[in-house]
């Protein structure tokens, strides 16, 4: 098991299959397989967009909580 560098961004530590997906030759796939792939990827895009929105909302809430304004 490889040790992870704590200074390395999490995205690089857990790159997952994305780098392979973007370089994969799509010519061998049938129309149906490509349609299924697009549907699965669109679902993943939606899931990632929802996670991003949740993180932005939490950050906005934290910023509001910890922002001190001069009165």
N, C-alpha and C. Protein backbone atom coordinates (compact mmCIF):
# COMPACT_ATOMS: atom_id res chain seq x y z
N UNK A 1 0.85 -1.18 0.00
CA UNK A 1 0.00 0.00 0.00
C UNK A 1 0.90 1.24 0.00
N UNK A 2 0.67 2.15 -0.92
CA UNK A 2 1.48 3.36 -1.04
C UNK A 2 1.04 4.39 -0.01
N UNK A 3 2.02 5.11 0.51
CA UNK A 3 1.70 6.18 1.46
C UNK A 3 1.30 7.42 0.69
N UNK A 4 0.33 8.14 1.20
CA UNK A 4 -0.11 9.37 0.56
C UNK A 4 0.61 10.56 1.16
N UNK A 5 0.96 11.49 0.31
CA UNK A 5 1.59 12.73 0.74
C UNK A 5 0.49 13.65 1.24
N UNK A 6 0.57 14.07 2.52
CA UNK A 6 -0.45 14.94 3.10
C UNK A 6 -0.54 16.28 2.40
N UNK A 7 0.52 16.69 1.71
CA UNK A 7 0.52 17.97 1.01
C UNK A 7 -0.06 17.86 -0.40
N UNK A 8 -0.28 16.64 -0.88
CA UNK A 8 -0.82 16.45 -2.21
C UNK A 8 -2.33 16.68 -2.17
N UNK A 9 -2.88 17.46 -3.11
CA UNK A 9 -4.33 17.70 -3.11
C UNK A 9 -5.11 16.39 -3.16
N UNK A 10 -6.23 16.38 -2.47
CA UNK A 10 -7.07 15.19 -2.39
C UNK A 10 -7.49 14.71 -3.77
N UNK A 11 -7.75 15.64 -4.69
CA UNK A 11 -8.17 15.25 -6.04
C UNK A 11 -7.12 14.38 -6.71
N UNK A 12 -5.85 14.65 -6.45
CA UNK A 12 -4.79 13.83 -7.06
C UNK A 12 -4.64 12.51 -6.33
N UNK A 13 -4.86 12.50 -5.03
CA UNK A 13 -4.75 11.26 -4.26
C UNK A 13 -5.83 10.28 -4.68
N UNK A 14 -7.00 10.79 -4.99
CA UNK A 14 -8.16 9.96 -5.35
C UNK A 14 -8.61 10.25 -6.77
N UNK A 15 -7.69 10.27 -7.70
CA UNK A 15 -8.01 10.66 -9.08
C UNK A 15 -9.10 9.79 -9.68
N UNK A 16 -9.19 8.56 -9.28
CA UNK A 16 -10.22 7.68 -9.80
C UNK A 16 -10.03 7.41 -11.28
N UNK A 17 -11.09 7.02 -11.95
CA UNK A 17 -10.99 6.60 -13.35
C UNK A 17 -11.02 7.74 -14.37
N UNK A 18 -11.20 8.97 -13.93
CA UNK A 18 -11.37 10.08 -14.88
C UNK A 18 -10.22 10.21 -15.88
N UNK A 19 -8.96 10.19 -15.45
CA UNK A 19 -7.89 10.32 -16.45
C UNK A 19 -7.96 9.25 -17.55
N UNK A 20 -8.31 8.05 -17.18
CA UNK A 20 -8.44 6.98 -18.18
C UNK A 20 -9.64 7.19 -19.08
N UNK A 21 -10.73 7.70 -18.53
CA UNK A 21 -11.93 7.91 -19.32
C UNK A 21 -11.71 8.93 -20.44
N UNK A 22 -11.00 9.99 -20.14
CA UNK A 22 -10.85 11.05 -21.14
C UNK A 22 -9.90 10.67 -22.26
N UNK A 23 -9.10 9.63 -22.06
CA UNK A 23 -8.18 9.19 -23.12
C UNK A 23 -8.64 7.92 -23.81
N UNK A 24 -9.71 7.33 -23.35
CA UNK A 24 -10.16 6.04 -23.88
C UNK A 24 -10.65 6.17 -25.32
N UNK A 25 -10.28 5.20 -26.15
CA UNK A 25 -10.74 5.15 -27.54
C UNK A 25 -12.21 4.73 -27.54
N UNK A 26 -13.07 5.58 -28.07
CA UNK A 26 -14.51 5.30 -28.07
C UNK A 26 -15.00 4.58 -29.32
N UNK A 27 -14.14 4.44 -30.32
CA UNK A 27 -14.55 3.81 -31.58
C UNK A 27 -15.09 2.38 -31.42
N UNK A 28 -14.55 1.56 -30.53
CA UNK A 28 -15.08 0.19 -30.42
C UNK A 28 -16.49 0.09 -29.84
N UNK A 29 -17.00 1.14 -29.23
CA UNK A 29 -18.31 1.09 -28.58
C UNK A 29 -19.45 1.22 -29.59
N UNK A 30 -20.53 0.51 -29.32
CA UNK A 30 -21.74 0.62 -30.14
C UNK A 30 -22.49 1.90 -29.79
N UNK A 31 -23.47 2.23 -30.61
CA UNK A 31 -24.31 3.40 -30.33
C UNK A 31 -24.97 3.25 -28.97
N UNK A 32 -25.51 2.06 -28.69
CA UNK A 32 -26.19 1.82 -27.42
C UNK A 32 -25.23 1.96 -26.24
N UNK A 33 -24.01 1.46 -26.39
CA UNK A 33 -23.03 1.56 -25.32
C UNK A 33 -22.63 3.02 -25.09
N UNK A 34 -22.50 3.78 -26.16
CA UNK A 34 -22.16 5.19 -26.03
C UNK A 34 -23.29 5.97 -25.37
N UNK A 35 -24.54 5.65 -25.74
CA UNK A 35 -25.69 6.31 -25.10
C UNK A 35 -25.73 6.00 -23.61
N UNK A 36 -25.47 4.74 -23.24
CA UNK A 36 -25.44 4.35 -21.82
C UNK A 36 -24.30 5.07 -21.09
N UNK A 37 -23.18 5.19 -21.76
CA UNK A 37 -22.03 5.88 -21.16
C UNK A 37 -22.36 7.34 -20.91
N UNK A 38 -22.98 8.00 -21.89
CA UNK A 38 -23.36 9.40 -21.75
C UNK A 38 -24.34 9.57 -20.61
N UNK A 39 -25.32 8.68 -20.51
CA UNK A 39 -26.31 8.76 -19.42
C UNK A 39 -25.63 8.61 -18.06
N UNK A 40 -24.72 7.66 -17.96
CA UNK A 40 -24.01 7.46 -16.68
C UNK A 40 -23.15 8.67 -16.34
N UNK A 41 -22.47 9.23 -17.33
CA UNK A 41 -21.62 10.39 -17.08
C UNK A 41 -22.46 11.62 -16.72
N UNK A 42 -23.62 11.79 -17.35
CA UNK A 42 -24.49 12.91 -17.00
C UNK A 42 -24.98 12.77 -15.56
N UNK A 43 -25.26 11.55 -15.14
CA UNK A 43 -25.65 11.31 -13.76
C UNK A 43 -24.53 11.68 -12.80
N UNK A 44 -23.30 11.35 -13.18
CA UNK A 44 -22.15 11.68 -12.34
C UNK A 44 -21.91 13.18 -12.31
N UNK A 45 -22.13 13.86 -13.43
CA UNK A 45 -22.01 15.32 -13.47
C UNK A 45 -23.02 15.94 -12.52
N UNK A 46 -24.25 15.45 -12.54
CA UNK A 46 -25.28 15.97 -11.64
C UNK A 46 -24.90 15.75 -10.18
N UNK A 47 -24.38 14.57 -9.89
CA UNK A 47 -23.98 14.25 -8.52
C UNK A 47 -22.85 15.16 -8.06
N UNK A 48 -21.87 15.40 -8.94
CA UNK A 48 -20.76 16.28 -8.59
C UNK A 48 -21.23 17.72 -8.43
N UNK A 49 -22.16 18.17 -9.28
CA UNK A 49 -22.69 19.53 -9.19
C UNK A 49 -23.44 19.72 -7.88
N UNK A 50 -24.19 18.71 -7.44
CA UNK A 50 -24.91 18.79 -6.17
C UNK A 50 -23.93 18.85 -5.00
N UNK A 51 -22.86 18.07 -5.05
CA UNK A 51 -21.85 18.10 -3.99
C UNK A 51 -21.17 19.47 -3.95
N UNK A 52 -20.90 20.03 -5.11
CA UNK A 52 -20.29 21.36 -5.19
C UNK A 52 -21.21 22.41 -4.58
N UNK A 53 -22.48 22.35 -4.89
CA UNK A 53 -23.45 23.30 -4.35
C UNK A 53 -23.53 23.19 -2.83
N UNK A 54 -23.53 21.95 -2.31
CA UNK A 54 -23.56 21.77 -0.85
C UNK A 54 -22.33 22.39 -0.21
N UNK A 55 -21.17 22.19 -0.81
CA UNK A 55 -19.93 22.76 -0.27
C UNK A 55 -19.97 24.28 -0.31
N UNK A 56 -20.46 24.84 -1.40
CA UNK A 56 -20.56 26.30 -1.49
C UNK A 56 -21.51 26.84 -0.44
N UNK A 57 -22.64 26.16 -0.23
CA UNK A 57 -23.59 26.60 0.79
C UNK A 57 -23.00 26.54 2.19
N UNK A 58 -22.25 25.47 2.48
CA UNK A 58 -21.61 25.36 3.80
C UNK A 58 -20.56 26.45 3.97
N UNK A 59 -19.83 26.73 2.91
CA UNK A 59 -18.81 27.77 3.00
C UNK A 59 -19.46 29.14 3.21
N UNK A 60 -20.54 29.41 2.49
CA UNK A 60 -21.24 30.68 2.67
C UNK A 60 -21.75 30.82 4.09
N UNK A 61 -22.29 29.75 4.63
CA UNK A 61 -22.79 29.78 6.00
C UNK A 61 -21.64 30.02 6.98
N UNK A 62 -20.51 29.36 6.75
CA UNK A 62 -19.36 29.54 7.64
C UNK A 62 -18.82 30.97 7.51
N UNK A 63 -18.75 31.48 6.29
CA UNK A 63 -18.28 32.85 6.10
C UNK A 63 -19.18 33.84 6.82
N UNK A 64 -20.48 33.63 6.74
CA UNK A 64 -21.44 34.51 7.40
C UNK A 64 -21.29 34.42 8.92
N UNK A 65 -21.08 33.22 9.42
CA UNK A 65 -20.94 33.02 10.85
C UNK A 65 -19.69 33.70 11.40
N UNK A 66 -18.60 33.64 10.65
CA UNK A 66 -17.33 34.14 11.14
C UNK A 66 -16.96 35.51 10.62
N UNK A 67 -17.85 36.14 9.88
CA UNK A 67 -17.53 37.50 9.42
C UNK A 67 -17.97 38.49 10.49
N UNK A 68 -17.05 39.32 10.90
CA UNK A 68 -17.34 40.31 11.91
C UNK A 68 -17.37 41.67 11.22
N UNK A 69 -18.48 42.34 11.36
CA UNK A 69 -18.64 43.65 10.70
C UNK A 69 -18.52 44.75 11.75
N UNK A 70 -17.89 45.84 11.32
CA UNK A 70 -17.81 47.01 12.20
C UNK A 70 -19.17 47.67 12.29
N UNK A 71 -19.64 47.88 13.47
CA UNK A 71 -20.93 48.54 13.67
C UNK A 71 -20.74 49.92 14.20
